[in-house]
């Protein structure tokens, strides 16, 4: 992910662009104001100026080269030395926008898109065990070079043929009904079929949870979300966008002719022994249609609670709640924090032939044996609340509600728990104590919530340090202070990942959970009835032994599983 340049660096870049006549001082001021007004203050200035049309990419690169005293190189004219690629993982090159080009004596020339990342140059020098001479190249050319050279020669030649064919496809993305047939034909062209197939397979192979296909002014961008972070993978010609989107629509049985309204669908594929489902969302945006595909692996539904990173104490607390005969248990956290996985693991733990378990979800992500699962469909009048009323007439023992979104659903959940049912659900809040007040603010009556709420589990996912390149590390004093880890200094060894082929140069591989478990006792029930504030409930919970998310995260740091930086990143919102 791109980070903003230091202000001094940005100011000098702007000055050089003005000196070169690429932009006037007035246009520069206008661009800075536009970047701020569009909420893009974190976007590097040069990239914004290029993408917004203020300067040409060549002008930006020339100014950046002057600023950092680097030569600007056109990679189309360079013969890349293939043996160097064996020493640097493709994932590292993609992540950091670099590629080794050739060696002259003991020195290796490396193309970089961001010359401010000195630490990346140091890492490359360490990997190659030789000094580095960086040269500047465009981000698009670097990524295209990585994509073209990190593969077998035969595959590269085949793919080059595919791209030649793709470039000849003539698809008009702006017409009406008359060009629907051409869109359909383009979506079924062999090169497009192969391209989309490769994107899906690569995403699965790299362990991505989501695929983003985003049309822009200059290219069609493909990004993968891996371990919770988006990484750029490909940048194709914008001319391919209609055909690529059409291919996705064909696979997910959506309407190719509809390009002005959002659409949702599913793709089911089998890759080897794995049964996969891609949940597809298509959204009209300024330059066309954006596609996001969530990858659902049915193997993940078989996960157990013991696999989710619980501390022994938190696991015992949570298990004691979900094994009660009646009451409400909530799992809370932001989108992508693993709430659904935890609920499925909980259902696996308590599922048995003696129990009637019914779920209501939007949508049903995984099918579980012995569990009756209902997918909501608001367009047909089947809402969470409506489904719940029907479920209560199905003699359930345990009800899982995908999410409590409104007062009616919360009220029915409370009544269900009060009449002898165990209810599991999720809520979008930052921590466990705030979930209690959120339900009251939503309109759930305190007299209904107080006697039925058993407890709340709040969670986040942190990236695990790569086991192959794990090394001792001294965190910065500011990082230690922000994490509240002063007491650990000198008593424990901190670790981080250097970056290697196994982790794709990121230093992380896989994720684990950090948790806080609020068990509702009589003191908390009294506070609910009194409509106490979140602060009052939090203080009472800590008095009763609540260990918060940051505390559990620091336990993972002490165990050498993750870094202080990662714990800070995922717990900032609950400071």
Protein backbone atom coordinates (compact mmCIF):
# COMPACT_ATOMS: atom_id res chain seq x y z
CA UNK A 1 0.00 0.00 0.00
CA UNK A 2 1.39 3.41 -0.96
CA UNK A 3 2.24 5.78 1.85
CA UNK A 4 2.47 9.54 1.75
CA UNK A 5 5.92 11.02 1.13
CA UNK A 6 7.39 13.24 3.88
CA UNK A 7 6.25 16.85 3.45
CA UNK A 8 9.75 18.11 2.62
CA UNK A 9 10.09 15.49 -0.12
CA UNK A 10 6.68 16.40 -1.56
CA UNK A 11 7.47 20.12 -1.47
CA UNK A 12 10.74 19.58 -3.36
CA UNK A 13 8.99 17.38 -5.94
CA UNK A 14 6.37 20.07 -6.52
CA UNK A 15 9.09 22.71 -6.87
CA UNK A 16 10.96 20.62 -9.47
CA UNK A 17 7.78 20.04 -11.49
CA UNK A 18 7.15 23.78 -11.53
CA UNK A 19 10.79 24.47 -12.55
CA UNK A 20 10.46 21.94 -15.39
CA UNK A 21 7.30 23.68 -16.63
CA UNK A 22 5.24 20.51 -16.13
CA UNK A 23 2.80 22.40 -13.90
CA UNK A 24 2.21 26.02 -12.88
CA UNK A 25 2.34 27.15 -9.22
CA UNK A 26 -1.41 27.87 -9.40
CA UNK A 27 -2.15 24.38 -10.76
CA UNK A 28 -0.02 22.84 -8.02
CA UNK A 29 -1.97 24.69 -5.34
CA UNK A 30 -5.22 23.63 -7.00
CA UNK A 31 -4.03 19.99 -7.09
CA UNK A 32 -3.07 20.03 -3.41
CA UNK A 33 -6.49 21.44 -2.49
CA UNK A 34 -8.25 18.85 -4.67
CA UNK A 35 -6.28 15.98 -3.09
CA UNK A 36 -7.27 17.21 0.36
CA UNK A 37 -10.96 17.74 -0.54
CA UNK A 38 -11.20 14.23 -2.05
CA UNK A 39 -9.87 12.65 1.13
CA UNK A 40 -6.67 11.52 -0.59
CA UNK A 41 -4.14 13.32 1.60
CA UNK A 42 -2.32 10.01 2.15
CA UNK A 43 -1.82 9.44 -1.58
CA UNK A 44 1.70 10.27 -2.82
CA UNK A 45 1.69 13.67 -4.52
CA UNK A 46 3.30 12.50 -7.75
CA UNK A 47 0.88 9.62 -8.25
CA UNK A 48 -2.07 11.95 -7.59
CA UNK A 49 -0.82 14.54 -10.07
CA UNK A 50 -0.46 11.86 -12.76
CA UNK A 51 -3.79 10.14 -12.08
CA UNK A 52 -5.69 13.45 -11.87
CA UNK A 53 -4.19 14.59 -15.19
CA UNK A 54 -2.12 17.52 -13.90
CA UNK A 55 1.19 16.12 -15.21
CA UNK A 56 2.28 13.31 -17.49
CA UNK A 57 3.91 10.25 -15.96
CA UNK A 58 7.15 10.87 -17.89
CA UNK A 59 7.34 14.41 -16.47
CA UNK A 60 6.74 13.12 -12.94
CA UNK A 61 9.46 10.45 -13.28
CA UNK A 62 11.99 12.95 -14.68
CA UNK A 63 11.39 15.29 -11.71
CA UNK A 64 11.56 12.43 -9.21
CA UNK A 65 14.80 11.23 -10.82
CA UNK A 66 16.33 14.69 -10.48
CA UNK A 67 15.19 14.90 -6.86
CA UNK A 68 16.85 11.61 -5.87
CA UNK A 69 19.71 11.79 -8.40
CA UNK A 70 18.54 8.61 -10.13
CA UNK A 71 18.49 7.70 -13.80
CA UNK A 72 15.03 7.09 -15.30
CA UNK A 73 14.84 3.87 -17.29
CA UNK A 74 12.32 2.62 -19.83
CA UNK A 75 12.02 -1.10 -19.03
CA UNK A 76 10.73 -1.94 -22.50
CA UNK A 77 14.29 -1.45 -23.75
CA UNK A 78 15.96 -3.56 -21.05
CA UNK A 79 17.02 -7.23 -21.27
CA UNK A 80 16.44 -8.51 -17.75
CA UNK A 81 19.02 -10.96 -16.40
CA UNK A 82 16.89 -13.99 -15.54
CA UNK A 83 19.27 -15.61 -13.03
CA UNK A 84 18.87 -12.60 -10.70
CA UNK A 85 15.15 -13.31 -10.44
CA UNK A 86 15.89 -16.64 -8.74
CA UNK A 87 17.30 -14.76 -5.76
CA UNK A 88 14.35 -12.38 -5.19
CA UNK A 89 10.77 -13.69 -4.62
CA UNK A 90 8.10 -12.46 -7.02
CA UNK A 91 5.90 -11.50 -4.09
CA UNK A 92 8.64 -9.20 -2.73
CA UNK A 93 8.96 -7.48 -6.12
CA UNK A 94 5.19 -7.01 -6.43
CA UNK A 95 4.79 -5.70 -2.90
CA UNK A 96 7.63 -3.18 -3.08
CA UNK A 97 7.44 -2.34 -6.83
CA UNK A 98 11.02 -3.37 -7.62
CA UNK A 99 12.75 -5.76 -10.03
CA UNK A 100 16.45 -6.64 -10.46
CA UNK A 101 17.59 -5.85 -14.01
CA UNK A 102 21.23 -6.81 -14.61
CA UNK A 103 24.63 -7.07 -12.92
CA UNK A 104 27.76 -5.13 -13.86
CA UNK A 105 30.66 -6.61 -11.96
CA UNK A 106 29.58 -7.01 -8.33
CA UNK A 107 26.86 -4.34 -8.57
CA UNK A 108 23.21 -5.11 -9.41
CA UNK A 109 21.04 -2.50 -11.12
CA UNK A 110 17.50 -2.58 -9.75
CA UNK A 111 14.42 -0.73 -11.03
CA UNK A 112 12.38 0.94 -8.28
CA UNK A 113 9.08 2.83 -8.47
CA UNK A 114 9.42 4.51 -5.06
CA UNK A 115 12.92 5.83 -4.27
CA UNK A 116 11.92 6.88 -0.74
CA UNK A 117 11.92 3.25 0.45
CA UNK A 118 15.58 3.04 1.45
CA UNK A 119 14.89 0.02 3.64
CA UNK A 120 13.74 -1.96 0.59
CA UNK A 121 17.06 -1.26 -1.16
CA UNK A 122 18.87 -2.51 1.95
CA UNK A 123 16.76 -5.68 1.98
CA UNK A 124 17.50 -6.30 -1.71
CA UNK A 125 21.21 -5.82 -1.12
CA UNK A 126 21.03 -8.39 1.68
CA UNK A 127 19.10 -10.90 -0.45
CA UNK A 128 21.47 -10.54 -3.41
CA UNK A 129 24.56 -10.26 -1.17
CA UNK A 130 25.82 -7.49 -3.48
CA UNK A 131 25.67 -3.68 -3.60
CA UNK A 132 22.66 -2.16 -5.37
CA UNK A 133 22.43 0.62 -7.95
CA UNK A 134 18.77 1.77 -8.09
CA UNK A 135 17.24 3.32 -11.20
CA UNK A 136 13.78 4.83 -11.47
CA UNK A 137 10.96 3.25 -13.52
CA UNK A 138 7.19 3.65 -13.67
CA UNK A 139 5.13 1.52 -11.31
CA UNK A 140 3.15 0.11 -14.24
CA UNK A 141 6.29 -0.98 -16.10
CA UNK A 142 7.79 -2.56 -12.97
CA UNK A 143 4.65 -4.61 -12.31
CA UNK A 144 4.38 -5.62 -15.96
CA UNK A 145 8.00 -6.76 -15.92
CA UNK A 146 7.44 -8.79 -12.74
CA UNK A 147 4.34 -10.37 -14.26
CA UNK A 148 6.14 -11.18 -17.53
CA UNK A 149 9.40 -12.58 -16.14
CA UNK A 150 8.38 -14.54 -13.04
CA UNK A 151 7.09 -17.55 -14.98
CA UNK A 152 8.29 -20.27 -17.34
CA UNK A 153 9.31 -19.22 -20.86
CA UNK A 154 6.62 -21.30 -22.57
CA UNK A 155 3.94 -19.88 -20.29
CA UNK A 156 5.22 -16.35 -20.90
CA UNK A 157 5.10 -16.87 -24.68
CA UNK A 158 1.58 -18.30 -24.48
CA UNK A 159 0.47 -15.41 -22.34
CA UNK A 160 2.09 -12.90 -24.70
CA UNK A 161 0.07 -14.44 -27.54
CA UNK A 162 -3.02 -14.11 -25.34
CA UNK A 163 -2.35 -10.40 -24.77
CA UNK A 164 -1.82 -9.81 -28.48
CA UNK A 165 -5.23 -11.37 -29.10
CA UNK A 166 -6.72 -9.40 -26.20
CA UNK A 167 -5.43 -6.14 -27.59
CA UNK A 168 -7.36 -6.84 -30.82
CA UNK A 169 -10.65 -7.41 -29.07
CA UNK A 170 -12.96 -4.56 -30.01
CA UNK A 171 -15.49 -4.13 -27.20
CA UNK A 172 -17.52 -0.94 -26.91
CA UNK A 173 -18.26 -0.42 -23.23
CA UNK A 174 -20.50 2.57 -23.69
CA UNK A 175 -23.24 1.31 -26.00
CA UNK A 176 -26.66 -0.04 -25.20
CA UNK A 177 -28.45 -3.26 -26.20
CA UNK A 178 -26.78 -3.38 -29.64
CA UNK A 179 -23.38 -4.37 -28.23
CA UNK A 180 -24.54 -6.93 -25.64
CA UNK A 181 -23.72 -9.74 -28.04
CA UNK A 182 -20.19 -8.40 -28.57
CA UNK A 183 -19.76 -8.24 -24.78
CA UNK A 184 -20.90 -11.86 -24.52
CA UNK A 185 -18.52 -12.94 -27.29
CA UNK A 186 -15.64 -11.05 -25.68
CA UNK A 187 -16.38 -12.69 -22.32
CA UNK A 188 -16.10 -16.10 -24.01
CA UNK A 189 -12.90 -15.38 -25.98
CA UNK A 190 -10.19 -17.93 -25.07
CA UNK A 191 -7.63 -15.28 -23.94
CA UNK A 192 -10.16 -13.60 -21.63
CA UNK A 193 -11.27 -16.98 -20.26
CA UNK A 194 -7.62 -17.86 -19.59
CA UNK A 195 -6.85 -14.46 -18.03
CA UNK A 196 -9.77 -14.58 -15.56
CA UNK A 197 -9.02 -18.23 -14.79
CA UNK A 198 -5.39 -17.34 -13.97
CA UNK A 199 -6.44 -14.47 -11.72
CA UNK A 200 -8.78 -16.76 -9.74
CA UNK A 201 -6.20 -19.54 -9.42
CA UNK A 202 -3.39 -17.20 -8.44
CA UNK A 203 -5.58 -15.58 -5.76
CA UNK A 204 -6.36 -18.99 -4.28
CA UNK A 205 -2.73 -20.12 -4.47
CA UNK A 206 -1.54 -16.97 -2.66
CA UNK A 207 -4.16 -17.36 0.08
CA UNK A 208 -6.16 -14.23 -0.82
CA UNK A 209 -9.52 -13.65 0.85
CA UNK A 210 -10.75 -11.12 -1.76
CA UNK A 211 -10.05 -10.17 -5.37
CA UNK A 212 -10.57 -6.54 -6.45
CA UNK A 213 -10.84 -5.72 -10.19
CA UNK A 214 -10.95 -1.95 -10.55
CA UNK A 215 -11.25 0.10 -13.77
CA UNK A 216 -9.34 3.37 -13.85
CA UNK A 217 -8.47 6.03 -16.38
CA UNK A 218 -5.15 4.43 -17.35
CA UNK A 219 -5.46 0.73 -16.50
CA UNK A 220 -7.55 -2.10 -15.13
CA UNK A 221 -6.10 -2.75 -11.68
CA UNK A 222 -6.23 -6.18 -9.99
CA UNK A 223 -5.53 -6.36 -6.25
CA UNK A 224 -5.60 -9.28 -3.80
CA UNK A 225 -6.37 -8.99 -0.09
CA UNK A 226 -3.89 -11.27 1.67
CA UNK A 227 -3.84 -11.56 5.47
CA UNK A 228 -6.14 -8.54 5.64
CA UNK A 229 -4.00 -6.20 3.49
CA UNK A 230 -4.56 -5.31 -0.19
CA UNK A 231 -1.66 -5.93 -2.60
CA UNK A 232 -1.47 -4.82 -6.24
CA UNK A 233 -1.07 -7.78 -8.61
CA UNK A 234 -1.73 -6.73 -12.23
CA UNK A 235 -2.39 -3.62 -14.29
CA UNK A 236 -4.08 -4.46 -17.62
CA UNK A 237 -5.23 -2.18 -20.42
CA UNK A 238 -8.54 -0.44 -19.72
CA UNK A 239 -9.80 -1.83 -23.06
CA UNK A 240 -9.99 -5.26 -21.41
CA UNK A 241 -12.34 -4.09 -18.65
CA UNK A 242 -15.69 -4.78 -20.40
CA UNK A 243 -14.58 -8.26 -21.50
CA UNK A 244 -13.15 -9.18 -18.07
CA UNK A 245 -16.31 -8.00 -16.26
CA UNK A 246 -18.46 -9.85 -18.80
CA UNK A 247 -16.50 -13.05 -18.14
CA UNK A 248 -17.09 -12.71 -14.41
CA UNK A 249 -20.81 -12.08 -15.05
CA UNK A 250 -21.04 -15.18 -17.24
CA UNK A 251 -19.38 -17.32 -14.56
CA UNK A 252 -21.67 -15.96 -11.83
CA UNK A 253 -24.84 -16.08 -13.98
CA UNK A 254 -25.45 -12.32 -13.89
CA UNK A 255 -27.02 -9.99 -16.45
CA UNK A 256 -24.39 -8.85 -18.96
CA UNK A 257 -26.68 -6.12 -20.30
CA UNK A 258 -27.08 -4.45 -16.88
CA UNK A 259 -24.23 -2.01 -16.33
CA UNK A 260 -25.89 0.78 -14.35
CA UNK A 261 -26.99 -1.07 -11.20
CA UNK A 262 -25.13 -3.21 -8.62
CA UNK A 263 -25.35 -6.98 -9.02
CA UNK A 264 -24.47 -9.87 -6.71
CA UNK A 265 -23.77 -13.47 -7.67
CA UNK A 266 -21.70 -16.58 -6.96
CA UNK A 267 -19.12 -18.71 -8.74
CA UNK A 268 -18.54 -22.30 -7.61
CA UNK A 269 -15.25 -23.95 -8.59
CA UNK A 270 -13.28 -27.03 -7.62
CA UNK A 271 -9.51 -26.62 -7.55
CA UNK A 272 -7.86 -29.94 -6.83
CA UNK A 273 -9.54 -31.31 -3.72
CA UNK A 274 -10.76 -27.88 -2.61
CA UNK A 275 -14.36 -26.80 -3.14
CA UNK A 276 -14.37 -23.03 -3.47
CA UNK A 277 -17.03 -20.41 -3.81
CA UNK A 278 -16.47 -16.84 -4.99
CA UNK A 279 -19.09 -14.39 -3.74
CA UNK A 280 -19.28 -11.75 -6.47
CA UNK A 281 -20.26 -8.09 -6.07
CA UNK A 282 -20.33 -5.78 -9.10
CA UNK A 283 -20.69 -2.03 -8.59
CA UNK A 284 -20.94 0.72 -11.27
CA UNK A 285 -18.14 3.26 -10.74
CA UNK A 286 -16.84 6.29 -12.65
CA UNK A 287 -14.72 4.37 -15.17
CA UNK A 288 -16.95 1.29 -15.59
CA UNK A 289 -17.78 -1.53 -13.20
CA UNK A 290 -15.76 -2.64 -10.19
CA UNK A 291 -15.74 -6.33 -9.28
CA UNK A 292 -15.01 -7.68 -5.80
CA UNK A 293 -14.92 -11.43 -5.24
CA UNK A 294 -14.83 -12.87 -1.72
CA UNK A 295 -13.19 -16.31 -1.73
CA UNK A 296 -15.00 -18.83 0.47
CA UNK A 297 -13.17 -22.09 1.17
CA UNK A 298 -15.48 -24.78 2.54
CA UNK A 299 -12.54 -26.30 4.43
CA UNK A 300 -12.50 -23.22 6.68
CA UNK A 301 -15.96 -24.03 8.03
CA UNK A 302 -14.51 -27.12 9.70
CA UNK A 303 -12.21 -25.04 11.88
CA UNK A 304 -12.36 -25.59 15.65
CA UNK A 305 -12.28 -22.99 18.41
CA UNK A 306 -8.84 -24.26 19.41
CA UNK A 307 -7.50 -23.17 16.00
CA UNK A 308 -8.51 -19.52 16.41
CA UNK A 309 -5.75 -18.31 18.73
CA UNK A 310 -7.73 -18.14 21.99
CA UNK A 311 -5.76 -17.97 25.24
CA UNK A 312 -6.76 -20.84 27.60
CA UNK A 313 -8.63 -18.38 29.84
CA UNK A 314 -10.58 -16.73 27.00
CA UNK A 315 -11.39 -20.08 25.42
CA UNK A 316 -12.78 -21.41 28.71
CA UNK A 317 -14.91 -18.27 29.18
CA UNK A 318 -16.30 -18.36 25.63
CA UNK A 319 -17.02 -22.10 25.71
CA UNK A 320 -18.87 -21.74 29.01
CA UNK A 321 -21.19 -19.17 27.34
CA UNK A 322 -21.99 -21.13 24.17
CA UNK A 323 -22.81 -24.25 26.19
CA UNK A 324 -25.57 -22.53 28.19
CA UNK A 325 -29.14 -23.73 27.45
CA UNK A 326 -30.44 -20.21 26.77
CA UNK A 327 -29.32 -16.60 26.49
CA UNK A 328 -27.53 -14.35 23.98
CA UNK A 329 -23.85 -14.57 23.05
CA UNK A 330 -22.42 -11.86 20.78
CA UNK A 331 -19.25 -11.81 18.66
CA UNK A 332 -18.19 -8.29 17.74
CA UNK A 333 -15.58 -6.55 15.63
CA UNK A 334 -15.17 -4.72 12.31
CA UNK A 335 -15.67 -6.29 8.88
CA UNK A 336 -12.93 -8.82 8.17
CA UNK A 337 -12.15 -9.59 11.82
CA UNK A 338 -13.21 -13.24 11.57
CA UNK A 339 -16.59 -13.04 13.30
CA UNK A 340 -18.33 -15.50 10.94
CA UNK A 341 -15.49 -18.01 11.26
CA UNK A 342 -15.76 -17.85 15.05
CA UNK A 343 -19.53 -18.39 14.94
CA UNK A 344 -19.14 -21.39 12.62
CA UNK A 345 -16.46 -22.82 14.93
CA UNK A 346 -18.84 -22.31 17.89
CA UNK A 347 -21.63 -24.14 16.04
CA UNK A 348 -19.23 -26.99 15.23
CA UNK A 349 -18.37 -27.22 18.94
CA UNK A 350 -22.00 -27.51 20.12
CA UNK A 351 -23.55 -29.26 17.12
CA UNK A 352 -25.09 -32.68 17.80
CA UNK A 353 -27.92 -34.95 16.64
CA UNK A 354 -29.91 -34.06 19.77
CA UNK A 355 -30.10 -30.34 18.96
CA UNK A 356 -32.12 -28.43 16.38
CA UNK A 357 -29.84 -25.62 15.21
CA UNK A 358 -31.16 -23.03 12.77
CA UNK A 359 -29.25 -20.09 11.28
CA UNK A 360 -30.40 -16.98 9.45
CA UNK A 361 -27.62 -15.43 7.36
CA UNK A 362 -27.05 -12.82 4.65
CA UNK A 363 -25.98 -14.74 2.68
CA UNK A 364 -25.40 -18.36 3.70
CA UNK A 365 -21.63 -18.69 3.23
CA UNK A 366 -21.03 -22.35 4.08
CA UNK A 367 -23.29 -25.37 4.44
CA UNK A 368 -22.88 -27.29 7.71
CA UNK A 369 -24.26 -30.84 8.23
CA UNK A 370 -27.19 -31.16 10.67
CA UNK A 371 -27.76 -27.38 10.67
CA UNK A 372 -30.75 -25.74 8.95
CA UNK A 373 -29.57 -22.55 7.27
CA UNK A 374 -31.82 -19.76 5.99
CA UNK A 375 -30.60 -17.02 3.66
CA UNK A 376 -32.37 -13.68 3.98
CA UNK A 377 -33.83 -12.11 0.85
CA UNK A 378 -35.17 -8.58 1.51
CA UNK A 379 -36.32 -8.25 -2.12
CA UNK A 380 -38.78 -11.06 -1.48
CA UNK A 381 -39.74 -9.87 1.98
CA UNK A 382 -37.55 -12.31 3.93
CA UNK A 383 -35.69 -10.13 6.45
CA UNK A 384 -33.73 -11.15 9.54
CA UNK A 385 -36.73 -10.31 11.73
CA UNK A 386 -39.20 -12.12 9.47
CA UNK A 387 -37.01 -15.21 9.25
CA UNK A 388 -36.58 -15.22 13.04
CA UNK A 389 -40.33 -15.26 13.63
CA UNK A 390 -40.68 -18.29 11.38
CA UNK A 391 -37.67 -20.01 12.93
CA UNK A 392 -39.23 -19.73 16.40
CA UNK A 393 -42.09 -21.90 15.10
CA UNK A 394 -39.57 -24.57 14.01
CA UNK A 395 -38.83 -25.81 17.56
CA UNK A 396 -35.18 -24.62 17.62
CA UNK A 397 -32.73 -25.20 20.45
CA UNK A 398 -30.04 -22.87 19.11
CA UNK A 399 -30.43 -19.93 16.73
CA UNK A 400 -27.55 -18.21 14.95
CA UNK A 401 -28.32 -14.74 13.54
CA UNK A 402 -25.76 -13.48 11.05
CA UNK A 403 -25.98 -9.93 12.42
CA UNK A 404 -28.25 -7.86 14.64
CA UNK A 405 -28.88 -4.85 12.41
CA UNK A 406 -32.07 -3.27 13.72
CA UNK A 407 -34.21 -2.94 16.88
CA UNK A 408 -36.78 -5.48 15.67
CA UNK A 409 -34.17 -8.21 15.19
CA UNK A 410 -32.60 -7.37 18.57
CA UNK A 411 -36.01 -7.45 20.29
CA UNK A 412 -36.94 -10.84 18.79
CA UNK A 413 -33.50 -12.24 19.71
CA UNK A 414 -34.04 -11.12 23.30
CA UNK A 415 -37.50 -12.71 23.42
CA UNK A 416 -36.13 -15.94 21.95
CA UNK A 417 -33.42 -16.08 24.61
CA UNK A 418 -35.95 -15.29 27.34
CA UNK A 419 -38.17 -18.19 26.22
CA UNK A 420 -35.44 -20.83 26.45
CA UNK A 421 -33.30 -20.57 23.30
CA UNK A 422 -29.58 -20.01 22.91
CA UNK A 423 -28.98 -17.16 20.44
CA UNK A 424 -25.59 -16.49 18.79
CA UNK A 425 -25.06 -13.37 16.71
CA UNK A 426 -22.62 -10.65 15.61
CA UNK A 427 -22.51 -6.89 16.02
CA UNK A 428 -20.27 -4.18 14.54
CA UNK A 429 -18.63 -2.43 17.52
CA UNK A 430 -15.03 -1.72 18.50
CA UNK A 431 -14.94 -3.66 21.77
CA UNK A 432 -17.02 -5.84 24.07
CA UNK A 433 -18.31 -3.19 26.57
CA UNK A 434 -19.56 -0.88 23.79
CA UNK A 435 -21.70 -3.73 22.37
CA UNK A 436 -23.94 -3.58 25.42
CA UNK A 437 -24.69 0.13 25.08
CA UNK A 438 -24.98 -0.23 21.29
CA UNK A 439 -27.90 -2.66 21.67
CA UNK A 440 -29.65 -0.33 24.14
CA UNK A 441 -29.09 2.65 21.80
CA UNK A 442 -30.45 0.54 18.95
CA UNK A 443 -33.72 0.18 20.84
CA UNK A 444 -33.44 -3.18 22.61
CA UNK A 445 -35.17 -2.70 25.98
CA UNK A 446 -32.77 -2.96 28.98
CA UNK A 447 -35.31 -5.12 30.86
CA UNK A 448 -35.07 -7.63 27.97
CA UNK A 449 -31.30 -7.42 27.45
CA UNK A 450 -30.14 -7.55 31.08
CA UNK A 451 -31.47 -11.03 31.96
CA UNK A 452 -30.63 -12.62 28.58
CA UNK A 453 -27.13 -11.39 27.60
CA UNK A 454 -24.58 -14.04 28.62
CA UNK A 455 -21.48 -12.34 27.26
CA UNK A 456 -19.64 -10.65 24.41
CA UNK A 457 -16.52 -11.74 22.54
CA UNK A 458 -14.62 -8.94 20.74
CA UNK A 459 -11.88 -9.94 18.32
CA UNK A 460 -9.36 -8.85 15.71
CA UNK A 461 -7.00 -10.71 13.38
CA UNK A 462 -3.26 -10.02 13.51
CA UNK A 463 -0.71 -11.25 11.00
CA UNK A 464 1.68 -13.94 12.26
CA UNK A 465 5.43 -13.50 11.91
CA UNK A 466 6.80 -15.67 9.10
CA UNK A 467 8.46 -18.71 10.74
CA UNK A 468 11.07 -18.96 7.96
CA UNK A 469 12.58 -15.48 8.39
CA UNK A 470 11.73 -14.72 12.03
CA UNK A 471 14.50 -12.74 13.70
CA UNK A 472 15.00 -10.78 16.96
CA UNK A 473 14.13 -7.12 16.66
CA UNK A 474 14.36 -3.97 18.79
CA UNK A 475 11.15 -1.93 18.37
CA UNK A 476 11.35 1.86 18.31
CA UNK A 477 10.70 3.62 21.67
CA UNK A 478 7.64 5.38 20.19
CA UNK A 479 6.22 2.01 19.12
CA UNK A 480 6.76 0.56 22.60
CA UNK A 481 5.08 3.59 24.19
CA UNK A 482 2.10 3.49 21.84
CA UNK A 483 1.55 -0.20 22.56
CA UNK A 484 1.90 0.33 26.32
CA UNK A 485 4.66 -2.30 26.35
CA UNK A 486 7.24 -0.49 28.49
CA UNK A 487 7.06 -3.22 31.14
CA UNK A 488 8.20 -5.81 28.59
CA UNK A 489 11.46 -4.07 27.62
CA UNK A 490 14.46 -6.06 28.81
CA UNK A 491 12.28 -8.98 29.89
CA UNK A 492 11.21 -10.48 26.57
CA UNK A 493 12.65 -10.81 23.08
CA UNK A 494 10.72 -9.03 20.34
CA UNK A 495 10.65 -10.53 16.85
CA UNK A 496 9.79 -9.60 13.29
CA UNK A 497 10.09 -11.21 9.85
CA UNK A 498 12.93 -10.03 7.59
CA UNK A 499 11.04 -10.97 4.42
CA UNK A 500 11.72 -14.11 2.38
CA UNK A 501 10.35 -16.25 -0.43
CA UNK A 502 8.01 -18.14 1.90
CA UNK A 503 6.19 -14.96 2.98
CA UNK A 504 6.63 -13.09 -0.30
CA UNK A 505 8.87 -10.51 1.34
CA UNK A 506 6.20 -9.29 3.76
CA UNK A 507 7.63 -10.77 6.96
CA UNK A 508 4.21 -12.26 7.77
CA UNK A 509 2.51 -15.54 6.94
CA UNK A 510 -1.05 -16.32 8.07
CA UNK A 511 -3.12 -14.74 10.83
CA UNK A 512 -4.29 -15.48 14.35
CA UNK A 513 -6.93 -13.94 16.60
CA UNK A 514 -6.69 -11.62 19.57
CA UNK A 515 -9.71 -11.52 21.86
CA UNK A 516 -11.43 -9.96 24.82
CA UNK A 517 -14.29 -11.77 26.56
CA UNK A 518 -16.86 -9.88 28.62
CA UNK A 519 -18.84 -12.23 30.84
CA UNK A 520 -22.07 -10.58 31.99
CA UNK A 521 -22.55 -10.95 35.75
CA UNK A 522 -25.00 -9.35 38.19
CA UNK A 523 -23.02 -6.09 38.41
CA UNK A 524 -23.11 -5.70 34.62
CA UNK A 525 -26.81 -6.60 34.52
CA UNK A 526 -27.55 -3.86 37.05
CA UNK A 527 -25.64 -1.35 34.90
CA UNK A 528 -27.62 -2.40 31.81
CA UNK A 529 -30.89 -1.79 33.67
CA UNK A 530 -29.58 1.62 34.72
CA UNK A 531 -28.68 2.45 31.08
CA UNK A 532 -25.06 3.00 32.16
CA UNK A 533 -22.49 4.42 29.75
CA UNK A 534 -19.89 2.36 27.91
CA UNK A 535 -17.21 3.78 30.22
CA UNK A 536 -19.06 2.62 33.34
CA UNK A 537 -19.54 -0.87 31.91
CA UNK A 538 -15.88 -1.03 30.83
CA UNK A 539 -14.66 -0.07 34.31
CA UNK A 540 -16.91 -2.67 35.93
CA UNK A 541 -15.72 -5.31 33.46
CA UNK A 542 -12.04 -4.55 34.17
CA UNK A 543 -12.77 -4.74 37.90
CA UNK A 544 -14.22 -8.21 37.27
CA UNK A 545 -11.11 -9.35 35.36
CA UNK A 546 -11.67 -8.35 31.72
CA UNK A 547 -8.45 -8.55 29.72
CA UNK A 548 -8.79 -6.29 26.70
CA UNK A 549 -7.72 -6.71 23.06
CA UNK A 550 -4.43 -4.83 23.51
CA UNK A 551 -3.54 -7.07 26.50
CA UNK A 552 -4.21 -10.23 24.50
CA UNK A 553 -2.25 -8.81 21.57
CA UNK A 554 0.77 -8.19 23.81
CA UNK A 555 0.51 -11.81 24.96
CA UNK A 556 0.91 -12.83 21.30
CA UNK A 557 3.94 -10.51 21.04
CA UNK A 558 5.52 -12.08 24.14
CA UNK A 559 4.91 -15.53 22.61
CA UNK A 560 6.75 -14.41 19.45
CA UNK A 561 3.68 -14.84 17.24
CA UNK A 562 3.24 -11.26 16.02
CA UNK A 563 4.78 -7.78 16.22
CA UNK A 564 4.04 -4.68 18.26
CA UNK A 565 3.41 -2.84 14.99
CA UNK A 566 0.71 -5.32 14.03
CA UNK A 567 -1.03 -5.17 17.43
CA UNK A 568 -1.06 -1.37 17.28
CA UNK A 569 -2.47 -1.45 13.75
CA UNK A 570 -5.53 -3.57 14.58
CA UNK A 571 -6.30 -2.07 18.01
CA UNK A 572 -5.98 1.65 17.21
CA UNK A 573 -9.77 2.08 17.12
CA UNK A 574 -10.17 0.85 20.71
CA UNK A 575 -7.52 3.09 22.29
